[in-house]
N, C-alpha and C. Protein backbone atom coordinates (compact mmCIF):
# COMPACT_ATOMS: atom_id res chain seq x y z
N MET A 1 0.85 -1.20 0.00
CA MET A 1 0.00 0.00 0.00
C MET A 1 0.89 1.25 0.00
N LEU A 2 0.57 2.18 -0.89
CA LEU A 2 1.40 3.38 -1.00
C LEU A 2 0.54 4.59 -1.33
N ARG A 3 0.64 5.61 -0.47
CA ARG A 3 -0.05 6.87 -0.74
C ARG A 3 1.02 7.95 -0.90
N THR A 4 1.12 8.48 -2.10
CA THR A 4 2.21 9.41 -2.37
C THR A 4 1.77 10.57 -3.26
N ILE A 5 2.56 11.64 -3.23
CA ILE A 5 2.33 12.83 -4.06
C ILE A 5 3.60 13.07 -4.86
N LEU A 6 3.43 13.51 -6.10
CA LEU A 6 4.57 13.81 -6.97
C LEU A 6 4.61 15.31 -7.23
N LEU A 7 5.70 15.95 -6.79
CA LEU A 7 5.91 17.37 -7.04
C LEU A 7 7.09 17.55 -7.99
N GLY A 8 7.11 18.67 -8.70
CA GLY A 8 8.23 18.95 -9.60
C GLY A 8 7.84 19.99 -10.62
N PRO A 9 8.78 20.85 -11.01
CA PRO A 9 8.48 21.92 -11.96
C PRO A 9 8.21 21.39 -13.37
N PRO A 10 7.67 22.23 -14.27
CA PRO A 10 7.48 21.82 -15.66
C PRO A 10 8.83 21.40 -16.24
N GLY A 11 8.85 20.26 -16.92
CA GLY A 11 10.11 19.80 -17.53
C GLY A 11 10.95 18.91 -16.63
N ALA A 12 10.46 18.63 -15.40
CA ALA A 12 11.24 17.81 -14.46
C ALA A 12 11.14 16.32 -14.77
N GLY A 13 10.22 15.95 -15.67
CA GLY A 13 10.07 14.53 -16.03
C GLY A 13 9.05 13.80 -15.17
N LYS A 14 8.12 14.56 -14.57
CA LYS A 14 7.12 13.94 -13.71
C LYS A 14 6.26 12.91 -14.44
N GLY A 15 5.87 13.26 -15.68
CA GLY A 15 5.00 12.36 -16.45
C GLY A 15 5.65 11.00 -16.66
N THR A 16 6.92 11.01 -17.04
CA THR A 16 7.67 9.76 -17.28
C THR A 16 7.78 8.95 -16.00
N GLN A 17 8.13 9.62 -14.90
CA GLN A 17 8.31 8.91 -13.62
C GLN A 17 6.97 8.40 -13.08
N ALA A 18 5.91 9.16 -13.31
CA ALA A 18 4.57 8.74 -12.83
C ALA A 18 4.19 7.40 -13.46
N VAL A 19 4.44 7.25 -14.75
CA VAL A 19 4.12 6.00 -15.45
C VAL A 19 4.87 4.84 -14.81
N LYS A 20 6.16 5.06 -14.52
CA LYS A 20 6.99 4.00 -13.92
C LYS A 20 6.52 3.64 -12.51
N ILE A 21 6.16 4.68 -11.72
CA ILE A 21 5.71 4.45 -10.33
C ILE A 21 4.42 3.63 -10.33
N VAL A 22 3.46 4.05 -11.15
CA VAL A 22 2.15 3.39 -11.23
C VAL A 22 2.32 1.92 -11.64
N GLU A 23 3.21 1.70 -12.60
CA GLU A 23 3.47 0.34 -13.09
C GLU A 23 4.07 -0.54 -11.99
N LYS A 24 5.05 0.01 -11.28
CA LYS A 24 5.75 -0.79 -10.26
C LYS A 24 4.88 -1.08 -9.04
N TYR A 25 4.12 -0.06 -8.58
CA TYR A 25 3.40 -0.22 -7.32
C TYR A 25 1.92 -0.58 -7.49
N GLY A 26 1.44 -0.57 -8.75
CA GLY A 26 0.06 -0.97 -9.02
C GLY A 26 -0.99 -0.07 -8.38
N ILE A 27 -0.71 1.24 -8.38
CA ILE A 27 -1.66 2.21 -7.80
C ILE A 27 -2.15 3.16 -8.89
N PRO A 28 -3.33 3.76 -8.72
CA PRO A 28 -3.83 4.68 -9.76
C PRO A 28 -3.07 6.00 -9.77
N HIS A 29 -2.84 6.53 -10.97
CA HIS A 29 -2.21 7.85 -11.15
C HIS A 29 -3.35 8.86 -11.22
N ILE A 30 -3.44 9.72 -10.21
CA ILE A 30 -4.55 10.67 -10.15
C ILE A 30 -4.04 12.07 -10.47
N SER A 31 -4.39 12.53 -11.67
CA SER A 31 -3.98 13.86 -12.12
C SER A 31 -5.18 14.78 -12.02
N THR A 32 -4.98 15.93 -11.39
CA THR A 32 -6.08 16.88 -11.20
C THR A 32 -6.74 17.24 -12.53
N GLY A 33 -5.92 17.48 -13.54
CA GLY A 33 -6.44 17.83 -14.87
C GLY A 33 -7.39 16.77 -15.39
N ASP A 34 -7.00 15.49 -15.22
CA ASP A 34 -7.84 14.38 -15.69
C ASP A 34 -9.17 14.33 -14.94
N ILE A 35 -9.09 14.55 -13.60
CA ILE A 35 -10.33 14.50 -12.79
C ILE A 35 -11.29 15.60 -13.22
N PHE A 36 -10.73 16.80 -13.43
CA PHE A 36 -11.57 17.93 -13.85
C PHE A 36 -12.26 17.59 -15.18
N ARG A 37 -11.44 17.12 -16.14
CA ARG A 37 -11.99 16.80 -17.47
C ARG A 37 -13.10 15.74 -17.37
N GLU A 38 -12.85 14.72 -16.53
CA GLU A 38 -13.82 13.63 -16.38
C GLU A 38 -15.14 14.14 -15.78
N ASN A 39 -15.03 14.98 -14.73
CA ASN A 39 -16.23 15.52 -14.10
C ASN A 39 -17.01 16.42 -15.05
N ILE A 40 -16.29 17.22 -15.83
CA ILE A 40 -16.94 18.13 -16.79
C ILE A 40 -17.62 17.32 -17.90
N LYS A 41 -16.88 16.29 -18.39
CA LYS A 41 -17.41 15.46 -19.47
C LYS A 41 -18.68 14.71 -19.02
N ASN A 42 -18.64 14.21 -17.77
CA ASN A 42 -19.78 13.44 -17.26
C ASN A 42 -20.90 14.31 -16.70
N GLY A 43 -20.67 15.63 -16.71
CA GLY A 43 -21.71 16.57 -16.26
C GLY A 43 -22.08 16.43 -14.80
N THR A 44 -21.10 16.07 -13.95
CA THR A 44 -21.39 15.95 -12.52
C THR A 44 -21.61 17.35 -11.93
N GLU A 45 -22.19 17.38 -10.73
CA GLU A 45 -22.42 18.67 -10.06
C GLU A 45 -21.10 19.42 -9.87
N LEU A 46 -20.07 18.67 -9.43
CA LEU A 46 -18.75 19.28 -9.22
C LEU A 46 -18.18 19.79 -10.54
N GLY A 47 -18.38 19.01 -11.60
CA GLY A 47 -17.89 19.40 -12.93
C GLY A 47 -18.56 20.67 -13.42
N LYS A 48 -19.87 20.76 -13.18
CA LYS A 48 -20.62 21.96 -13.60
C LYS A 48 -20.11 23.21 -12.87
N LYS A 49 -19.87 23.04 -11.55
CA LYS A 49 -19.36 24.17 -10.75
C LYS A 49 -18.00 24.62 -11.29
N ALA A 50 -17.11 23.66 -11.55
CA ALA A 50 -15.76 23.97 -12.04
C ALA A 50 -15.85 24.67 -13.40
N GLN A 51 -16.75 24.18 -14.26
CA GLN A 51 -16.90 24.74 -15.61
C GLN A 51 -17.32 26.21 -15.56
N GLU A 52 -18.17 26.55 -14.59
CA GLU A 52 -18.62 27.95 -14.46
C GLU A 52 -17.43 28.90 -14.24
N TYR A 53 -16.52 28.49 -13.36
CA TYR A 53 -15.32 29.32 -13.10
C TYR A 53 -14.44 29.40 -14.34
N MET A 54 -14.25 28.24 -15.00
CA MET A 54 -13.40 28.19 -16.20
C MET A 54 -13.96 29.07 -17.31
N ASN A 55 -15.29 29.02 -17.48
CA ASN A 55 -15.94 29.83 -18.52
C ASN A 55 -15.72 31.32 -18.31
N ARG A 56 -15.58 31.70 -17.04
CA ARG A 56 -15.34 33.11 -16.73
C ARG A 56 -13.85 33.44 -16.74
N GLY A 57 -13.04 32.43 -17.04
CA GLY A 57 -11.58 32.64 -17.09
C GLY A 57 -10.98 32.79 -15.71
N GLU A 58 -11.69 32.26 -14.70
CA GLU A 58 -11.20 32.37 -13.32
C GLU A 58 -10.60 31.04 -12.87
N LEU A 59 -9.71 31.11 -11.87
CA LEU A 59 -9.16 29.89 -11.28
C LEU A 59 -10.25 29.22 -10.46
N VAL A 60 -10.26 27.88 -10.50
CA VAL A 60 -11.21 27.14 -9.68
C VAL A 60 -10.77 27.29 -8.22
N PRO A 61 -11.68 27.72 -7.30
CA PRO A 61 -11.27 27.97 -5.90
C PRO A 61 -10.75 26.71 -5.22
N ASP A 62 -9.85 26.93 -4.25
CA ASP A 62 -9.25 25.83 -3.48
C ASP A 62 -10.28 24.84 -2.95
N GLU A 63 -11.37 25.37 -2.36
CA GLU A 63 -12.38 24.50 -1.74
C GLU A 63 -12.96 23.50 -2.74
N LEU A 64 -13.22 24.00 -3.97
CA LEU A 64 -13.81 23.13 -5.00
C LEU A 64 -12.77 22.12 -5.52
N VAL A 65 -11.53 22.56 -5.66
CA VAL A 65 -10.45 21.64 -6.09
C VAL A 65 -10.33 20.51 -5.07
N VAL A 66 -10.35 20.86 -3.78
CA VAL A 66 -10.25 19.86 -2.70
C VAL A 66 -11.42 18.88 -2.79
N GLU A 67 -12.62 19.43 -3.01
CA GLU A 67 -13.83 18.58 -3.08
C GLU A 67 -13.73 17.59 -4.25
N ILE A 68 -13.29 18.08 -5.40
CA ILE A 68 -13.18 17.22 -6.58
C ILE A 68 -12.10 16.14 -6.38
N ALA A 69 -10.94 16.54 -5.82
CA ALA A 69 -9.83 15.59 -5.63
C ALA A 69 -10.17 14.53 -4.58
N THR A 70 -10.73 14.96 -3.45
CA THR A 70 -11.04 13.99 -2.39
C THR A 70 -12.20 13.07 -2.79
N ASP A 71 -13.11 13.58 -3.60
CA ASP A 71 -14.19 12.74 -4.13
C ASP A 71 -13.60 11.58 -4.94
N ARG A 72 -12.54 11.89 -5.71
CA ARG A 72 -11.86 10.85 -6.51
C ARG A 72 -11.17 9.82 -5.61
N LEU A 73 -10.63 10.28 -4.46
CA LEU A 73 -9.91 9.38 -3.56
C LEU A 73 -10.83 8.40 -2.84
N LEU A 74 -12.15 8.65 -2.90
CA LEU A 74 -13.11 7.74 -2.28
C LEU A 74 -13.44 6.53 -3.16
N LYS A 75 -12.99 6.58 -4.43
CA LYS A 75 -13.28 5.48 -5.36
C LYS A 75 -12.53 4.20 -4.94
N ASP A 76 -13.07 3.06 -5.30
CA ASP A 76 -12.53 1.76 -4.87
C ASP A 76 -11.07 1.54 -5.25
N ASP A 77 -10.67 2.05 -6.43
CA ASP A 77 -9.30 1.76 -6.89
C ASP A 77 -8.24 2.45 -6.03
N CYS A 78 -8.66 3.35 -5.12
CA CYS A 78 -7.70 4.07 -4.26
C CYS A 78 -7.54 3.42 -2.89
N LYS A 79 -8.25 2.31 -2.68
CA LYS A 79 -8.20 1.66 -1.36
C LYS A 79 -6.79 1.19 -1.02
N GLU A 80 -6.05 0.77 -2.04
CA GLU A 80 -4.69 0.26 -1.80
C GLU A 80 -3.62 1.32 -2.03
N GLY A 81 -4.05 2.58 -2.18
CA GLY A 81 -3.07 3.66 -2.37
C GLY A 81 -3.31 4.45 -3.64
N PHE A 82 -2.46 5.46 -3.86
CA PHE A 82 -2.62 6.34 -5.02
C PHE A 82 -1.36 7.17 -5.22
N LEU A 83 -1.24 7.70 -6.43
CA LEU A 83 -0.19 8.68 -6.74
C LEU A 83 -0.90 9.96 -7.18
N LEU A 84 -0.76 11.02 -6.39
CA LEU A 84 -1.40 12.30 -6.71
C LEU A 84 -0.43 13.17 -7.51
N ASP A 85 -0.94 13.78 -8.57
CA ASP A 85 -0.10 14.60 -9.45
C ASP A 85 -0.90 15.87 -9.80
N GLY A 86 -0.39 17.04 -9.36
CA GLY A 86 -1.12 18.28 -9.62
C GLY A 86 -2.03 18.68 -8.48
N PHE A 87 -2.08 17.86 -7.44
CA PHE A 87 -2.83 18.17 -6.23
C PHE A 87 -2.09 17.55 -5.05
N PRO A 88 -1.93 18.27 -3.95
CA PRO A 88 -2.32 19.66 -3.71
C PRO A 88 -1.37 20.64 -4.38
N ARG A 89 -1.87 21.86 -4.65
CA ARG A 89 -1.04 22.92 -5.24
C ARG A 89 -0.74 24.03 -4.24
N THR A 90 -1.51 24.09 -3.17
CA THR A 90 -1.32 25.14 -2.17
C THR A 90 -1.30 24.50 -0.78
N VAL A 91 -0.80 25.26 0.21
CA VAL A 91 -0.74 24.75 1.59
C VAL A 91 -2.17 24.48 2.10
N PHE A 92 -3.11 25.36 1.74
CA PHE A 92 -4.51 25.14 2.15
C PHE A 92 -4.99 23.77 1.66
N GLN A 93 -4.73 23.48 0.38
CA GLN A 93 -5.15 22.18 -0.19
C GLN A 93 -4.46 21.02 0.53
N ALA A 94 -3.17 21.21 0.88
CA ALA A 94 -2.42 20.16 1.58
C ALA A 94 -3.01 19.89 2.96
N GLU A 95 -3.38 20.96 3.65
CA GLU A 95 -3.98 20.81 4.98
C GLU A 95 -5.32 20.08 4.90
N LYS A 96 -6.11 20.45 3.88
CA LYS A 96 -7.42 19.81 3.71
C LYS A 96 -7.26 18.33 3.33
N LEU A 97 -6.24 18.03 2.53
CA LEU A 97 -5.97 16.62 2.16
C LEU A 97 -5.60 15.83 3.42
N ASP A 98 -4.74 16.39 4.27
CA ASP A 98 -4.36 15.72 5.53
C ASP A 98 -5.58 15.45 6.40
N GLU A 99 -6.46 16.46 6.48
CA GLU A 99 -7.69 16.31 7.28
C GLU A 99 -8.57 15.18 6.72
N PHE A 100 -8.70 15.15 5.40
CA PHE A 100 -9.52 14.13 4.73
C PHE A 100 -8.95 12.74 5.02
N LEU A 101 -7.63 12.58 4.84
CA LEU A 101 -7.01 11.26 5.05
C LEU A 101 -7.14 10.83 6.51
N GLN A 102 -6.93 11.77 7.40
CA GLN A 102 -7.04 11.48 8.85
C GLN A 102 -8.45 10.99 9.19
N ALA A 103 -9.44 11.66 8.60
CA ALA A 103 -10.84 11.28 8.85
C ALA A 103 -11.15 9.87 8.35
N HIS A 104 -10.34 9.40 7.40
CA HIS A 104 -10.54 8.05 6.85
C HIS A 104 -9.49 7.07 7.36
N GLY A 105 -8.80 7.45 8.44
CA GLY A 105 -7.81 6.56 9.06
C GLY A 105 -6.60 6.29 8.17
N GLN A 106 -6.25 7.27 7.32
CA GLN A 106 -5.12 7.10 6.41
C GLN A 106 -4.13 8.25 6.58
N LYS A 107 -2.94 8.09 5.99
CA LYS A 107 -1.99 9.20 5.95
C LYS A 107 -1.08 9.04 4.75
N LEU A 108 -0.43 10.13 4.35
CA LEU A 108 0.53 10.07 3.25
C LEU A 108 1.77 9.33 3.70
N ASP A 109 2.35 8.55 2.78
CA ASP A 109 3.60 7.86 3.10
C ASP A 109 4.79 8.76 2.81
N VAL A 110 4.92 9.14 1.54
CA VAL A 110 6.06 9.95 1.12
C VAL A 110 5.58 10.98 0.09
N VAL A 111 6.20 12.16 0.12
CA VAL A 111 5.95 13.17 -0.92
C VAL A 111 7.25 13.30 -1.70
N ILE A 112 7.18 12.97 -2.99
CA ILE A 112 8.37 13.00 -3.85
C ILE A 112 8.48 14.36 -4.52
N ASP A 113 9.61 15.01 -4.34
CA ASP A 113 9.86 16.31 -4.98
C ASP A 113 11.03 16.16 -5.95
N ILE A 114 10.73 16.17 -7.26
CA ILE A 114 11.79 16.03 -8.28
C ILE A 114 12.37 17.42 -8.55
N GLU A 115 13.65 17.57 -8.24
CA GLU A 115 14.31 18.87 -8.37
C GLU A 115 15.26 18.89 -9.57
N VAL A 116 15.13 19.94 -10.38
CA VAL A 116 16.00 20.14 -11.54
C VAL A 116 16.37 21.62 -11.61
N GLU A 117 17.64 21.90 -11.89
CA GLU A 117 18.09 23.30 -11.99
C GLU A 117 17.34 24.02 -13.11
N LYS A 118 17.10 25.32 -12.90
CA LYS A 118 16.34 26.12 -13.86
C LYS A 118 16.93 26.06 -15.26
N GLN A 119 18.28 26.13 -15.38
CA GLN A 119 18.91 26.14 -16.70
C GLN A 119 18.63 24.85 -17.47
N GLU A 120 18.64 23.72 -16.74
CA GLU A 120 18.35 22.44 -17.41
C GLU A 120 16.89 22.37 -17.83
N LEU A 121 15.99 22.90 -16.99
CA LEU A 121 14.57 22.92 -17.35
C LEU A 121 14.36 23.73 -18.63
N LEU A 122 15.05 24.87 -18.71
CA LEU A 122 14.94 25.72 -19.91
C LEU A 122 15.42 24.98 -21.14
N THR A 123 16.55 24.28 -21.00
CA THR A 123 17.10 23.51 -22.13
C THR A 123 16.12 22.44 -22.57
N ARG A 124 15.57 21.73 -21.59
CA ARG A 124 14.63 20.64 -21.91
C ARG A 124 13.39 21.17 -22.62
N LEU A 125 12.79 22.24 -22.07
CA LEU A 125 11.50 22.70 -22.57
C LEU A 125 11.59 23.55 -23.83
N THR A 126 12.64 24.37 -23.93
CA THR A 126 12.73 25.23 -25.12
C THR A 126 13.30 24.49 -26.33
N GLY A 127 13.84 23.28 -26.08
CA GLY A 127 14.43 22.52 -27.19
C GLY A 127 13.43 21.65 -27.92
N ARG A 128 12.19 21.63 -27.45
CA ARG A 128 11.18 20.76 -28.08
C ARG A 128 10.75 21.33 -29.42
N ARG A 129 10.60 20.46 -30.41
CA ARG A 129 10.10 20.83 -31.73
C ARG A 129 9.03 19.82 -32.15
N VAL A 130 7.99 20.32 -32.82
CA VAL A 130 6.87 19.46 -33.21
C VAL A 130 6.63 19.58 -34.71
N CYS A 131 6.26 18.45 -35.33
CA CYS A 131 6.00 18.46 -36.77
C CYS A 131 4.60 19.02 -37.05
N ARG A 132 4.54 19.98 -37.98
CA ARG A 132 3.24 20.60 -38.33
C ARG A 132 2.29 19.60 -38.98
N LYS A 133 2.86 18.62 -39.70
CA LYS A 133 2.01 17.70 -40.45
C LYS A 133 1.52 16.52 -39.61
N CYS A 134 2.47 15.79 -38.97
CA CYS A 134 2.06 14.55 -38.29
C CYS A 134 2.09 14.65 -36.77
N GLY A 135 2.61 15.78 -36.23
CA GLY A 135 2.61 15.96 -34.78
C GLY A 135 3.73 15.25 -34.04
N ALA A 136 4.66 14.62 -34.77
CA ALA A 136 5.79 13.93 -34.12
C ALA A 136 6.61 14.94 -33.32
N SER A 137 7.16 14.47 -32.18
CA SER A 137 7.88 15.36 -31.28
C SER A 137 9.38 15.07 -31.28
N TYR A 138 10.18 16.13 -31.29
CA TYR A 138 11.65 15.99 -31.28
C TYR A 138 12.24 16.91 -30.22
N HIS A 139 13.54 16.78 -30.00
CA HIS A 139 14.25 17.71 -29.12
C HIS A 139 15.60 18.00 -29.77
N ILE A 140 15.93 19.29 -29.89
CA ILE A 140 17.13 19.66 -30.66
C ILE A 140 18.43 19.10 -30.06
N VAL A 141 18.38 18.75 -28.73
CA VAL A 141 19.56 18.16 -28.10
C VAL A 141 19.39 16.66 -27.89
N ASN A 142 18.27 16.27 -27.27
CA ASN A 142 18.08 14.86 -26.88
C ASN A 142 17.58 13.95 -27.99
N ILE A 143 16.65 14.44 -28.82
CA ILE A 143 16.12 13.60 -29.93
C ILE A 143 16.10 14.46 -31.19
N PRO A 144 17.26 14.82 -31.73
CA PRO A 144 17.26 15.69 -32.91
C PRO A 144 16.80 14.94 -34.18
N PRO A 145 16.16 15.66 -35.11
CA PRO A 145 15.80 15.03 -36.38
C PRO A 145 17.08 14.81 -37.21
N LYS A 146 17.02 13.91 -38.19
CA LYS A 146 18.21 13.64 -39.04
C LYS A 146 18.60 14.91 -39.80
N LYS A 147 17.58 15.65 -40.26
CA LYS A 147 17.84 16.89 -40.97
C LYS A 147 17.17 18.03 -40.22
N GLU A 148 17.94 19.06 -39.90
CA GLU A 148 17.44 20.16 -39.07
C GLU A 148 16.14 20.77 -39.62
N GLY A 149 15.13 20.85 -38.74
CA GLY A 149 13.86 21.51 -39.11
C GLY A 149 12.92 20.65 -39.94
N ILE A 150 13.35 19.37 -40.22
CA ILE A 150 12.51 18.49 -41.05
C ILE A 150 12.18 17.21 -40.30
N CYS A 151 10.91 16.80 -40.34
CA CYS A 151 10.46 15.59 -39.66
C CYS A 151 11.01 14.34 -40.36
N ASP A 152 11.57 13.41 -39.57
CA ASP A 152 12.10 12.14 -40.11
C ASP A 152 10.98 11.30 -40.71
N ILE A 153 9.78 11.39 -40.12
CA ILE A 153 8.69 10.48 -40.48
C ILE A 153 7.98 10.90 -41.77
N CYS A 154 7.57 12.19 -41.84
CA CYS A 154 6.75 12.59 -43.00
C CYS A 154 7.36 13.74 -43.81
N GLY A 155 8.51 14.25 -43.37
CA GLY A 155 9.16 15.34 -44.11
C GLY A 155 8.53 16.70 -43.87
N GLY A 156 7.61 16.76 -42.90
CA GLY A 156 6.95 18.03 -42.57
C GLY A 156 7.89 18.99 -41.86
N GLU A 157 7.44 20.26 -41.77
CA GLU A 157 8.25 21.30 -41.11
C GLU A 157 8.13 21.19 -39.59
N LEU A 158 9.26 21.29 -38.87
CA LEU A 158 9.25 21.27 -37.42
C LEU A 158 9.15 22.71 -36.90
N PHE A 159 8.36 22.91 -35.84
CA PHE A 159 8.24 24.26 -35.30
C PHE A 159 8.26 24.22 -33.77
N GLN A 160 8.49 25.39 -33.15
CA GLN A 160 8.48 25.50 -31.70
C GLN A 160 7.13 26.03 -31.26
N ARG A 161 6.47 25.31 -30.33
CA ARG A 161 5.17 25.74 -29.84
C ARG A 161 5.30 27.03 -29.03
N ASP A 162 4.23 27.83 -29.02
CA ASP A 162 4.25 29.11 -28.29
C ASP A 162 4.59 28.94 -26.82
N ASP A 163 4.11 27.82 -26.21
CA ASP A 163 4.36 27.63 -24.77
C ASP A 163 5.74 27.04 -24.50
N ASP A 164 6.56 26.88 -25.54
CA ASP A 164 7.93 26.37 -25.36
C ASP A 164 8.99 27.45 -25.55
N THR A 165 8.57 28.71 -25.70
CA THR A 165 9.56 29.79 -25.86
C THR A 165 10.19 30.09 -24.51
N VAL A 166 11.38 30.70 -24.54
CA VAL A 166 12.12 31.00 -23.30
C VAL A 166 11.26 31.81 -22.33
N GLU A 167 10.60 32.87 -22.83
CA GLU A 167 9.80 33.75 -21.98
C GLU A 167 8.67 32.98 -21.29
N THR A 168 7.95 32.17 -22.07
CA THR A 168 6.82 31.42 -21.53
C THR A 168 7.29 30.39 -20.52
N VAL A 169 8.36 29.68 -20.86
CA VAL A 169 8.88 28.63 -19.97
C VAL A 169 9.37 29.25 -18.66
N GLU A 170 10.09 30.38 -18.76
CA GLU A 170 10.58 31.05 -17.54
C GLU A 170 9.40 31.44 -16.65
N ASN A 171 8.34 31.93 -17.26
CA ASN A 171 7.15 32.33 -16.51
C ASN A 171 6.51 31.12 -15.83
N ARG A 172 6.41 29.99 -16.57
CA ARG A 172 5.82 28.78 -16.00
C ARG A 172 6.62 28.29 -14.79
N ILE A 173 7.95 28.37 -14.89
CA ILE A 173 8.83 27.93 -13.79
C ILE A 173 8.64 28.84 -12.58
N GLU A 174 8.58 30.16 -12.83
CA GLU A 174 8.42 31.12 -11.72
C GLU A 174 7.07 30.94 -11.02
N VAL A 175 6.02 30.72 -11.81
CA VAL A 175 4.68 30.50 -11.24
C VAL A 175 4.70 29.25 -10.38
N TYR A 176 5.34 28.19 -10.89
CA TYR A 176 5.44 26.94 -10.14
C TYR A 176 6.15 27.17 -8.81
N LYS A 177 7.29 27.88 -8.89
CA LYS A 177 8.08 28.11 -7.67
C LYS A 177 7.28 28.90 -6.63
N ALA A 178 6.60 29.94 -7.09
CA ALA A 178 5.82 30.78 -6.17
C ALA A 178 4.70 29.97 -5.51
N GLN A 179 4.08 29.09 -6.29
CA GLN A 179 2.97 28.28 -5.78
C GLN A 179 3.45 27.16 -4.88
N THR A 180 4.54 26.51 -5.30
CA THR A 180 4.89 25.22 -4.71
C THR A 180 5.93 25.27 -3.61
N MET A 181 6.80 26.30 -3.59
CA MET A 181 7.82 26.33 -2.54
C MET A 181 7.20 26.26 -1.13
N PRO A 182 6.11 26.99 -0.84
CA PRO A 182 5.49 26.85 0.49
C PRO A 182 5.03 25.41 0.77
N LEU A 183 4.61 24.72 -0.30
CA LEU A 183 4.14 23.33 -0.18
C LEU A 183 5.32 22.41 0.17
N VAL A 184 6.46 22.64 -0.49
CA VAL A 184 7.68 21.87 -0.20
C VAL A 184 8.06 22.05 1.26
N ASP A 185 8.01 23.29 1.74
CA ASP A 185 8.34 23.59 3.15
C ASP A 185 7.35 22.89 4.10
N TYR A 186 6.08 22.88 3.70
CA TYR A 186 5.03 22.25 4.52
C TYR A 186 5.35 20.77 4.74
N TYR A 187 5.70 20.06 3.64
CA TYR A 187 5.97 18.62 3.77
C TYR A 187 7.34 18.35 4.42
N LYS A 188 8.26 19.29 4.25
CA LYS A 188 9.56 19.19 4.94
C LYS A 188 9.32 19.19 6.45
N LYS A 189 8.50 20.13 6.89
CA LYS A 189 8.18 20.24 8.33
C LYS A 189 7.45 18.98 8.80
N ALA A 190 6.61 18.43 7.94
CA ALA A 190 5.86 17.22 8.31
C ALA A 190 6.78 16.00 8.37
N GLY A 191 7.97 16.12 7.74
CA GLY A 191 8.96 15.04 7.80
C GLY A 191 8.75 13.92 6.80
N ASN A 192 7.91 14.15 5.78
CA ASN A 192 7.69 13.07 4.81
C ASN A 192 8.08 13.47 3.38
N LEU A 193 8.95 14.48 3.24
CA LEU A 193 9.38 14.92 1.91
C LEU A 193 10.68 14.21 1.50
N ALA A 194 10.69 13.66 0.29
CA ALA A 194 11.91 13.06 -0.27
C ALA A 194 12.33 13.89 -1.47
N GLU A 195 13.49 14.54 -1.38
CA GLU A 195 13.98 15.38 -2.47
C GLU A 195 14.83 14.53 -3.42
N ILE A 196 14.43 14.51 -4.69
CA ILE A 196 15.07 13.66 -5.69
C ILE A 196 15.75 14.53 -6.75
N ASP A 197 17.00 14.24 -7.04
CA ASP A 197 17.73 14.95 -8.09
C ASP A 197 17.20 14.45 -9.44
N GLY A 198 16.49 15.33 -10.16
CA GLY A 198 15.85 14.92 -11.41
C GLY A 198 16.70 15.13 -12.65
N SER A 199 17.97 15.53 -12.47
CA SER A 199 18.83 15.73 -13.65
C SER A 199 19.46 14.39 -14.05
N GLY A 200 19.79 14.28 -15.31
CA GLY A 200 20.50 13.08 -15.78
C GLY A 200 19.58 11.94 -16.17
N ASP A 201 20.12 10.72 -16.03
CA ASP A 201 19.49 9.50 -16.54
C ASP A 201 18.15 9.20 -15.88
N LEU A 202 17.13 8.91 -16.70
CA LEU A 202 15.77 8.65 -16.21
C LEU A 202 15.71 7.43 -15.29
N ASP A 203 16.47 6.37 -15.65
CA ASP A 203 16.45 5.15 -14.83
C ASP A 203 17.09 5.39 -13.47
N ARG A 204 18.13 6.23 -13.45
CA ARG A 204 18.79 6.54 -12.16
C ARG A 204 17.83 7.35 -11.28
N VAL A 205 17.10 8.28 -11.90
CA VAL A 205 16.12 9.09 -11.15
C VAL A 205 15.05 8.16 -10.57
N PHE A 206 14.58 7.21 -11.38
CA PHE A 206 13.55 6.28 -10.91
C PHE A 206 14.08 5.40 -9.78
N ALA A 207 15.33 4.96 -9.89
CA ALA A 207 15.93 4.13 -8.83
C ALA A 207 15.96 4.91 -7.51
N ASP A 208 16.24 6.22 -7.58
CA ASP A 208 16.26 7.05 -6.37
C ASP A 208 14.85 7.20 -5.78
N ILE A 209 13.86 7.29 -6.69
CA ILE A 209 12.47 7.41 -6.24
C ILE A 209 12.05 6.12 -5.51
N VAL A 210 12.39 4.97 -6.10
CA VAL A 210 12.05 3.67 -5.51
C VAL A 210 12.70 3.54 -4.12
N LYS A 211 13.94 4.00 -4.01
CA LYS A 211 14.67 3.96 -2.72
C LYS A 211 13.88 4.79 -1.68
N ALA A 212 13.37 5.94 -2.10
CA ALA A 212 12.61 6.81 -1.18
C ALA A 212 11.26 6.21 -0.81
N LEU A 213 10.62 5.56 -1.80
CA LEU A 213 9.28 5.00 -1.56
C LEU A 213 9.34 3.65 -0.83
N GLY A 214 10.44 2.93 -1.02
CA GLY A 214 10.56 1.60 -0.45
C GLY A 214 10.05 0.57 -1.44
N GLU A 215 10.70 -0.59 -1.43
CA GLU A 215 10.32 -1.67 -2.37
C GLU A 215 8.90 -2.14 -2.12
């Protein structure tokens, strides 16, 4: 049984590590974005409430985010544990999650924080290129195309997405830091934070995560 949270800035490789964690420990990967989409698609009361805020271009309030996330944790597949990704985002949400788990006789085991230096995050995120024709993804350093600017698969033109520019990426990193640093401190004080060096080889990063989570 494992109840854990995955923290990390954009470009830290959370998505890749989440897949590996879920596979190894046999627990559901619960992403806030997915829960929101599911509730909205199914037209639930919570989904309708969230949609109203989104339609107005407003952030969904903490209380509603907590309600939607904890509602998901009551499902049967979470009885043996879960991996939370994208929730909690604020200290208020973290406190409410602790209260919810306590009320159900549960607690978090470990909170994984994947740390990567800002310069490496910029390199990872700004180096991405996508094919206009077939959507194939490349990276100018890690997965370069055979011919610069041309897709290996269909010969289409490769381009940089608007959200992958230096300015946008820097902003995303700063927003993450402002939101999440208090959360990192919260779990540090609680004594269940595991800080993982997310630079370098993916398998080595995963081995460090497994060491923190326990076999």
